[in-house]
Protein backbone atom coordinates (compact mmCIF):
# COMPACT_ATOMS: atom_id res chain seq x y z
CA MET A 1 -13.92 42.19 45.67
CA ARG A 2 -11.23 43.01 43.21
CA LYS A 3 -9.58 39.64 43.60
CA PRO A 4 -12.23 37.58 41.74
CA LYS A 5 -12.02 40.05 38.84
CA ILE A 6 -8.35 39.55 38.47
CA GLU A 7 -8.74 35.76 38.48
CA TRP A 8 -11.52 36.02 35.93
CA ARG A 9 -9.17 38.08 33.61
CA GLN A 10 -6.41 35.58 34.08
CA GLY A 11 -8.62 32.74 33.35
CA LEU A 12 -9.87 34.42 30.24
CA MET A 13 -6.30 35.11 29.20
CA VAL A 14 -5.17 31.50 29.81
CA GLY A 15 -8.19 30.22 27.88
CA ALA A 16 -7.36 32.61 25.00
CA LEU A 17 -3.72 31.58 24.94
CA LEU A 18 -4.75 27.88 25.09
CA VAL A 19 -7.10 28.29 22.08
CA LEU A 20 -4.35 30.25 20.28
CA SER A 21 -1.72 27.63 21.00
CA LEU A 22 -4.06 24.79 19.82
CA TRP A 23 -4.78 26.73 16.68
CA LEU A 24 -1.06 27.22 16.07
CA LEU A 25 -0.43 23.57 16.65
CA SER A 26 -3.04 22.60 14.12
CA LEU A 27 -1.46 24.91 11.56
CA ILE A 28 2.02 23.43 12.28
CA TYR A 29 0.63 19.89 11.88
CA SER A 30 -0.96 20.88 8.53
CA LEU A 31 2.22 22.41 7.35
CA ALA A 32 4.18 19.31 8.29
CA GLY A 33 1.77 17.12 6.27
CA LYS A 34 2.21 19.53 3.27
CA THR A 35 5.97 19.38 3.66
CA GLU A 36 5.94 15.61 3.64
CA LEU A 37 3.85 15.61 0.50
CA ALA A 38 6.22 18.07 -1.11
CA TRP A 39 9.23 15.83 -0.24
CA GLN A 40 7.46 12.78 -1.78
CA ARG A 41 6.57 14.64 -4.97
CA ALA A 42 10.06 16.02 -5.19
CA HIS A 43 11.43 12.41 -5.02
CA GLU A 44 9.04 11.26 -7.65
CA VAL A 45 10.04 14.08 -9.91
CA LYS A 46 13.72 13.26 -9.43
CA VAL A 47 13.01 9.61 -10.39
CA GLN A 48 11.07 10.71 -13.51
CA TYR A 49 13.92 13.07 -14.47
CA THR A 50 16.50 10.35 -14.27
CA GLU A 51 14.30 8.11 -16.36
CA LEU A 52 13.82 10.81 -18.91
CA GLU A 53 17.48 11.56 -19.01
CA ALA A 54 18.23 7.86 -19.69
CA ARG A 55 15.54 7.86 -22.39
CA LYS A 56 16.99 11.04 -23.93
CA ASN A 57 20.52 9.54 -24.01
CA ALA A 58 19.16 6.39 -25.64
CA LEU A 59 17.37 8.36 -28.32
CA GLN A 60 20.39 10.60 -28.86
CA ALA A 61 22.50 7.40 -29.39
CA ASP A 62 19.90 6.19 -31.88
CA LEU A 63 19.93 9.55 -33.77
CA ASP A 64 23.66 9.46 -33.78
CA ALA A 65 23.60 5.94 -35.33
CA LEU A 66 21.06 7.02 -37.94
CA ASN A 67 23.25 9.92 -39.05
CA THR A 68 25.72 7.37 -40.34
CA PRO A 69 25.29 5.56 -43.66
CA ARG A 70 25.77 2.26 -41.94
CA GLY A 71 23.12 3.10 -39.33
CA GLN A 72 20.69 4.06 -42.01
CA ASP A 73 21.39 0.87 -43.94
CA ALA A 74 20.80 -1.19 -40.72
CA ALA A 75 17.53 0.64 -39.94
CA ILE A 76 16.26 0.07 -43.43
CA ARG A 77 17.16 -3.57 -43.38
CA GLU A 78 15.54 -4.13 -40.02
CA ALA A 79 12.34 -2.14 -40.79
CA PHE A 80 11.66 -3.61 -44.31
CA GLY A 81 13.57 -6.89 -44.36
CA VAL A 82 15.42 -5.95 -47.61
CA ALA A 83 18.88 -7.11 -48.80
CA ARG A 84 21.36 -5.73 -51.22
CA PRO A 85 21.59 -7.17 -54.68
CA GLY A 86 23.63 -10.31 -54.63
CA GLU A 87 23.06 -11.01 -51.00
CA GLU A 88 21.52 -14.30 -50.06
CA VAL A 89 19.74 -15.50 -46.94
CA ILE A 90 21.58 -17.84 -44.67
CA VAL A 91 19.51 -20.04 -42.45
CA VAL A 92 21.35 -21.59 -39.56
CA VAL A 93 19.88 -24.94 -38.66
CA PRO A 94 20.71 -26.79 -35.49
CA PRO A 95 22.47 -30.21 -36.08
CA ALA A 96 20.05 -33.08 -36.40
CA THR A 97 19.87 -35.30 -33.40
CA THR A 98 20.56 -38.89 -34.15
CA THR A 99 18.39 -41.48 -32.55
CA ALA A 100 19.56 -44.97 -32.05
CA THR A 101 17.59 -47.45 -34.03
CA SER A 102 17.41 -50.90 -32.82
CA SER A 103 15.67 -53.93 -33.97
CA GLU A 104 12.34 -54.63 -32.50
CA SER A 105 12.19 -57.31 -29.91
CA TRP A 106 10.23 -60.45 -30.57
CA TRP A 107 7.72 -59.37 -27.93
CA GLY A 108 7.04 -55.96 -29.61
CA TRP A 109 6.81 -57.83 -32.99
CA LEU A 110 4.29 -60.26 -31.50
CA THR A 111 2.10 -57.57 -29.93
CA ASP A 112 2.10 -55.46 -33.17
CA TRP A 113 1.09 -58.55 -35.11
CA PHE A 114 -2.03 -59.14 -32.96
């Protein structure tokens, strides 16, 4: 009579361990998903950081240029389109293309006449 009682306890223990192991596996799976998400966000943050560093360096270069008199002069000229007294505007025009002119044929002259 004792034998069935021991099997019942063993079955209960195996069932409890099975439920516990499934619960732990679900926690591990959830943790793995969160870890993957954290890795993705860390990568995105690194990309943003490098972009911001490049922007910071470009802005610092602009500030360094504006701290010189020549840079200030260039910025004012570009922003407001001004020139110094005595400066003139130079317009570069591409060379004119020459087209060959030929006399009109007698057929063209005849069709224009009608």
